[in-house]
Amino acid sequence: MVERNTTLEELAGHIADPVGAKLTREDFANVVGRITLAFKHLDVKEARKAEFERIALEVLKPIQPWLGEAEFAALVNRLIGAMTAFCVSDDD
């Protein structure tokens, strides 16, 4: 379980990394924590793309003011893609 948590935290860090320079350390840590928590609560058997988008927007909304529209959209898409891959790989 510890290994999975570490892996999810690393994944969350990689997802948020492109906008990390625009955030304070605290905001970056908070968004990484929110992304990690989203993955931990993701129901891989029942998840659908519409749900991924809702989750991504909810998780990333707190940092939206610090990002341009294109940056925010790219980050949302990055998180949606990661959640999709996470669910597919968990089915194997």
N, C-alpha and C. Protein backbone atom coordinates (compact mmCIF):
# COMPACT_ATOMS: atom_id res chain seq x y z
N MET A 1 0.82 -1.20 0.00
CA MET A 1 0.00 0.00 0.00
C MET A 1 0.86 1.26 0.00
N VAL A 2 1.96 1.23 0.75
CA VAL A 2 2.86 2.39 0.80
C VAL A 2 3.45 2.64 -0.59
N GLU A 3 3.81 1.56 -1.29
CA GLU A 3 4.38 1.70 -2.62
C GLU A 3 3.36 2.35 -3.58
N ARG A 4 2.11 1.92 -3.50
CA ARG A 4 1.07 2.49 -4.36
C ARG A 4 0.88 3.97 -4.05
N ASN A 5 0.87 4.34 -2.76
CA ASN A 5 0.71 5.74 -2.39
C ASN A 5 1.85 6.58 -2.93
N THR A 6 3.06 6.06 -2.83
CA THR A 6 4.23 6.77 -3.35
C THR A 6 4.12 6.93 -4.86
N THR A 7 3.70 5.89 -5.54
CA THR A 7 3.54 5.94 -6.99
C THR A 7 2.48 6.96 -7.38
N LEU A 8 1.37 6.98 -6.67
CA LEU A 8 0.32 7.95 -6.97
C LEU A 8 0.79 9.38 -6.72
N GLU A 9 1.55 9.60 -5.65
CA GLU A 9 2.09 10.93 -5.37
C GLU A 9 3.07 11.36 -6.46
N GLU A 10 3.90 10.43 -6.93
CA GLU A 10 4.84 10.75 -8.01
C GLU A 10 4.08 11.08 -9.29
N LEU A 11 3.06 10.30 -9.60
CA LEU A 11 2.24 10.55 -10.78
C LEU A 11 1.58 11.93 -10.68
N ALA A 12 1.02 12.23 -9.53
CA ALA A 12 0.38 13.53 -9.33
C ALA A 12 1.39 14.67 -9.51
N GLY A 13 2.58 14.49 -8.99
CA GLY A 13 3.63 15.49 -9.16
C GLY A 13 3.99 15.71 -10.62
N HIS A 14 4.07 14.63 -11.39
CA HIS A 14 4.37 14.73 -12.82
C HIS A 14 3.24 15.43 -13.58
N ILE A 15 2.01 15.16 -13.19
CA ILE A 15 0.87 15.81 -13.85
C ILE A 15 0.89 17.31 -13.60
N ALA A 16 1.16 17.72 -12.38
CA ALA A 16 1.13 19.14 -12.01
C ALA A 16 2.42 19.89 -12.34
N ASP A 17 3.48 19.17 -12.59
CA ASP A 17 4.80 19.78 -12.78
C ASP A 17 4.85 20.90 -13.84
N PRO A 18 4.17 20.78 -14.98
CA PRO A 18 4.27 21.84 -15.98
C PRO A 18 3.82 23.22 -15.50
N VAL A 19 2.99 23.28 -14.48
CA VAL A 19 2.53 24.58 -13.98
C VAL A 19 3.11 24.88 -12.60
N GLY A 20 4.00 24.05 -12.12
CA GLY A 20 4.57 24.20 -10.79
C GLY A 20 5.25 25.53 -10.55
N ALA A 21 5.89 26.07 -11.56
CA ALA A 21 6.60 27.34 -11.41
C ALA A 21 5.66 28.51 -11.16
N LYS A 22 4.41 28.37 -11.54
CA LYS A 22 3.44 29.45 -11.35
C LYS A 22 2.77 29.40 -9.98
N LEU A 23 3.02 28.34 -9.23
CA LEU A 23 2.36 28.14 -7.94
C LEU A 23 3.35 28.29 -6.79
N THR A 24 2.84 28.66 -5.64
CA THR A 24 3.70 28.64 -4.45
C THR A 24 3.95 27.16 -4.11
N ARG A 25 4.92 26.92 -3.29
CA ARG A 25 5.19 25.55 -2.86
C ARG A 25 3.97 24.92 -2.19
N GLU A 26 3.30 25.75 -1.40
CA GLU A 26 2.11 25.27 -0.69
C GLU A 26 0.97 24.93 -1.66
N ASP A 27 0.75 25.81 -2.64
CA ASP A 27 -0.30 25.54 -3.64
C ASP A 27 0.04 24.31 -4.47
N PHE A 28 1.30 24.16 -4.82
CA PHE A 28 1.72 22.98 -5.59
C PHE A 28 1.50 21.70 -4.76
N ALA A 29 1.90 21.74 -3.51
CA ALA A 29 1.70 20.57 -2.64
C ALA A 29 0.22 20.25 -2.47
N ASN A 30 -0.60 21.30 -2.36
CA ASN A 30 -2.04 21.09 -2.22
C ASN A 30 -2.64 20.45 -3.46
N VAL A 31 -2.25 20.92 -4.65
CA VAL A 31 -2.82 20.35 -5.87
C VAL A 31 -2.32 18.92 -6.07
N VAL A 32 -1.08 18.66 -5.74
CA VAL A 32 -0.56 17.28 -5.82
C VAL A 32 -1.35 16.39 -4.87
N GLY A 33 -1.62 16.88 -3.68
CA GLY A 33 -2.42 16.11 -2.71
C GLY A 33 -3.83 15.86 -3.20
N ARG A 34 -4.43 16.86 -3.84
CA ARG A 34 -5.79 16.71 -4.36
C ARG A 34 -5.82 15.71 -5.52
N ILE A 35 -4.82 15.75 -6.38
CA ILE A 35 -4.74 14.80 -7.49
C ILE A 35 -4.54 13.39 -6.95
N THR A 36 -3.65 13.24 -5.99
CA THR A 36 -3.40 11.93 -5.38
C THR A 36 -4.67 11.37 -4.77
N LEU A 37 -5.38 12.20 -4.03
CA LEU A 37 -6.63 11.77 -3.41
C LEU A 37 -7.67 11.36 -4.46
N ALA A 38 -7.72 12.11 -5.56
CA ALA A 38 -8.66 11.77 -6.64
C ALA A 38 -8.37 10.38 -7.18
N PHE A 39 -7.09 10.06 -7.37
CA PHE A 39 -6.74 8.73 -7.85
C PHE A 39 -7.10 7.65 -6.83
N LYS A 40 -6.89 7.94 -5.57
CA LYS A 40 -7.21 6.96 -4.53
C LYS A 40 -8.70 6.65 -4.47
N HIS A 41 -9.53 7.65 -4.79
CA HIS A 41 -10.98 7.47 -4.71
C HIS A 41 -11.61 7.11 -6.05
N LEU A 42 -10.80 7.02 -7.08
CA LEU A 42 -11.32 6.72 -8.41
C LEU A 42 -11.83 5.28 -8.46
N ASP A 43 -13.07 5.12 -8.86
CA ASP A 43 -13.66 3.79 -9.01
C ASP A 43 -13.30 3.29 -10.41
N VAL A 44 -12.25 2.51 -10.51
CA VAL A 44 -11.73 2.10 -11.81
C VAL A 44 -12.69 1.22 -12.59
N LYS A 45 -13.60 0.58 -11.93
CA LYS A 45 -14.55 -0.29 -12.63
C LYS A 45 -15.71 0.49 -13.24
N GLU A 46 -16.08 1.60 -12.62
CA GLU A 46 -17.27 2.34 -13.04
C GLU A 46 -16.95 3.70 -13.68
N ALA A 47 -15.70 4.08 -13.71
CA ALA A 47 -15.34 5.42 -14.18
C ALA A 47 -15.61 5.59 -15.67
N ARG A 48 -16.04 6.77 -16.03
CA ARG A 48 -16.33 7.13 -17.42
C ARG A 48 -15.67 8.47 -17.72
N LYS A 49 -15.45 8.75 -19.02
CA LYS A 49 -14.76 9.98 -19.41
C LYS A 49 -15.43 11.23 -18.86
N ALA A 50 -16.75 11.28 -18.85
CA ALA A 50 -17.44 12.45 -18.31
C ALA A 50 -17.12 12.63 -16.83
N GLU A 51 -17.00 11.52 -16.12
CA GLU A 51 -16.65 11.59 -14.70
C GLU A 51 -15.21 12.09 -14.54
N PHE A 52 -14.31 11.63 -15.41
CA PHE A 52 -12.92 12.09 -15.35
C PHE A 52 -12.85 13.60 -15.51
N GLU A 53 -13.62 14.14 -16.45
CA GLU A 53 -13.60 15.58 -16.68
C GLU A 53 -14.12 16.33 -15.45
N ARG A 54 -15.21 15.84 -14.87
CA ARG A 54 -15.77 16.47 -13.67
C ARG A 54 -14.76 16.44 -12.53
N ILE A 55 -14.12 15.30 -12.33
CA ILE A 55 -13.13 15.16 -11.26
C ILE A 55 -11.96 16.10 -11.51
N ALA A 56 -11.44 16.11 -12.74
CA ALA A 56 -10.29 16.95 -13.06
C ALA A 56 -10.60 18.43 -12.82
N LEU A 57 -11.76 18.88 -13.27
CA LEU A 57 -12.13 20.29 -13.06
C LEU A 57 -12.26 20.60 -11.58
N GLU A 58 -12.85 19.71 -10.83
CA GLU A 58 -13.04 19.91 -9.40
C GLU A 58 -11.69 19.96 -8.66
N VAL A 59 -10.80 19.05 -9.02
CA VAL A 59 -9.50 18.96 -8.36
C VAL A 59 -8.62 20.17 -8.68
N LEU A 60 -8.66 20.63 -9.92
CA LEU A 60 -7.75 21.68 -10.36
C LEU A 60 -8.31 23.09 -10.24
N LYS A 61 -9.59 23.22 -9.97
CA LYS A 61 -10.24 24.54 -9.87
C LYS A 61 -9.50 25.52 -8.93
N PRO A 62 -8.99 25.07 -7.77
CA PRO A 62 -8.33 26.02 -6.88
C PRO A 62 -7.10 26.72 -7.47
N ILE A 63 -6.45 26.10 -8.46
CA ILE A 63 -5.25 26.75 -9.03
C ILE A 63 -5.54 27.44 -10.36
N GLN A 64 -6.78 27.39 -10.82
CA GLN A 64 -7.14 28.00 -12.10
C GLN A 64 -6.78 29.49 -12.18
N PRO A 65 -6.96 30.28 -11.11
CA PRO A 65 -6.64 31.72 -11.21
C PRO A 65 -5.18 32.02 -11.55
N TRP A 66 -4.28 31.10 -11.27
CA TRP A 66 -2.86 31.34 -11.53
C TRP A 66 -2.43 30.90 -12.93
N LEU A 67 -3.34 30.31 -13.67
CA LEU A 67 -3.00 29.76 -14.98
C LEU A 67 -3.76 30.47 -16.08
N GLY A 68 -3.14 30.50 -17.25
CA GLY A 68 -3.86 30.98 -18.41
C GLY A 68 -4.88 29.93 -18.84
N GLU A 69 -5.79 30.33 -19.70
CA GLU A 69 -6.84 29.41 -20.14
C GLU A 69 -6.26 28.17 -20.82
N ALA A 70 -5.27 28.36 -21.68
CA ALA A 70 -4.66 27.23 -22.39
C ALA A 70 -3.90 26.31 -21.43
N GLU A 71 -3.21 26.90 -20.47
CA GLU A 71 -2.48 26.10 -19.48
C GLU A 71 -3.43 25.26 -18.64
N PHE A 72 -4.52 25.87 -18.22
CA PHE A 72 -5.50 25.16 -17.40
C PHE A 72 -6.12 24.02 -18.20
N ALA A 73 -6.50 24.29 -19.43
CA ALA A 73 -7.10 23.26 -20.29
C ALA A 73 -6.11 22.11 -20.51
N ALA A 74 -4.85 22.45 -20.73
CA ALA A 74 -3.83 21.40 -20.93
C ALA A 74 -3.66 20.55 -19.67
N LEU A 75 -3.69 21.19 -18.52
CA LEU A 75 -3.54 20.47 -17.26
C LEU A 75 -4.74 19.56 -17.01
N VAL A 76 -5.93 20.07 -17.30
CA VAL A 76 -7.14 19.24 -17.17
C VAL A 76 -7.04 18.03 -18.09
N ASN A 77 -6.66 18.26 -19.34
CA ASN A 77 -6.52 17.15 -20.29
C ASN A 77 -5.45 16.16 -19.87
N ARG A 78 -4.39 16.66 -19.29
CA ARG A 78 -3.31 15.79 -18.80
C ARG A 78 -3.83 14.88 -17.67
N LEU A 79 -4.60 15.46 -16.76
CA LEU A 79 -5.15 14.67 -15.66
C LEU A 79 -6.19 13.67 -16.17
N ILE A 80 -7.03 14.08 -17.11
CA ILE A 80 -8.01 13.15 -17.69
C ILE A 80 -7.30 11.99 -18.36
N GLY A 81 -6.26 12.27 -19.11
CA GLY A 81 -5.49 11.22 -19.77
C GLY A 81 -4.86 10.26 -18.78
N ALA A 82 -4.33 10.80 -17.70
CA ALA A 82 -3.71 9.95 -16.68
C ALA A 82 -4.74 9.08 -15.98
N MET A 83 -5.91 9.64 -15.70
CA MET A 83 -6.96 8.85 -15.06
C MET A 83 -7.45 7.73 -16.00
N THR A 84 -7.57 8.05 -17.28
CA THR A 84 -7.99 7.05 -18.27
C THR A 84 -6.97 5.91 -18.32
N ALA A 85 -5.69 6.26 -18.42
CA ALA A 85 -4.64 5.24 -18.48
C ALA A 85 -4.59 4.43 -17.18
N PHE A 86 -4.79 5.10 -16.06
CA PHE A 86 -4.79 4.43 -14.76
C PHE A 86 -5.87 3.36 -14.69
N CYS A 87 -7.05 3.69 -15.19
CA CYS A 87 -8.16 2.74 -15.16
C CYS A 87 -7.95 1.59 -16.13
N VAL A 88 -7.40 1.88 -17.30
CA VAL A 88 -7.13 0.84 -18.29
C VAL A 88 -6.07 -0.11 -17.75
N SER A 89 -5.00 0.44 -17.18
CA SER A 89 -3.91 -0.42 -16.67
C SER A 89 -4.37 -1.24 -15.47
N ASP A 90 -5.33 -0.74 -14.72
CA ASP A 90 -5.83 -1.48 -13.55
C ASP A 90 -6.69 -2.66 -13.98
N ASP A 91 -7.24 -2.60 -15.19
CA ASP A 91 -8.06 -3.71 -15.70
C ASP A 91 -7.22 -4.91 -16.11
N ASP A 92 -5.95 -4.69 -16.39
CA ASP A 92 -5.07 -5.77 -16.84
C ASP A 92 -4.79 -6.78 -15.77
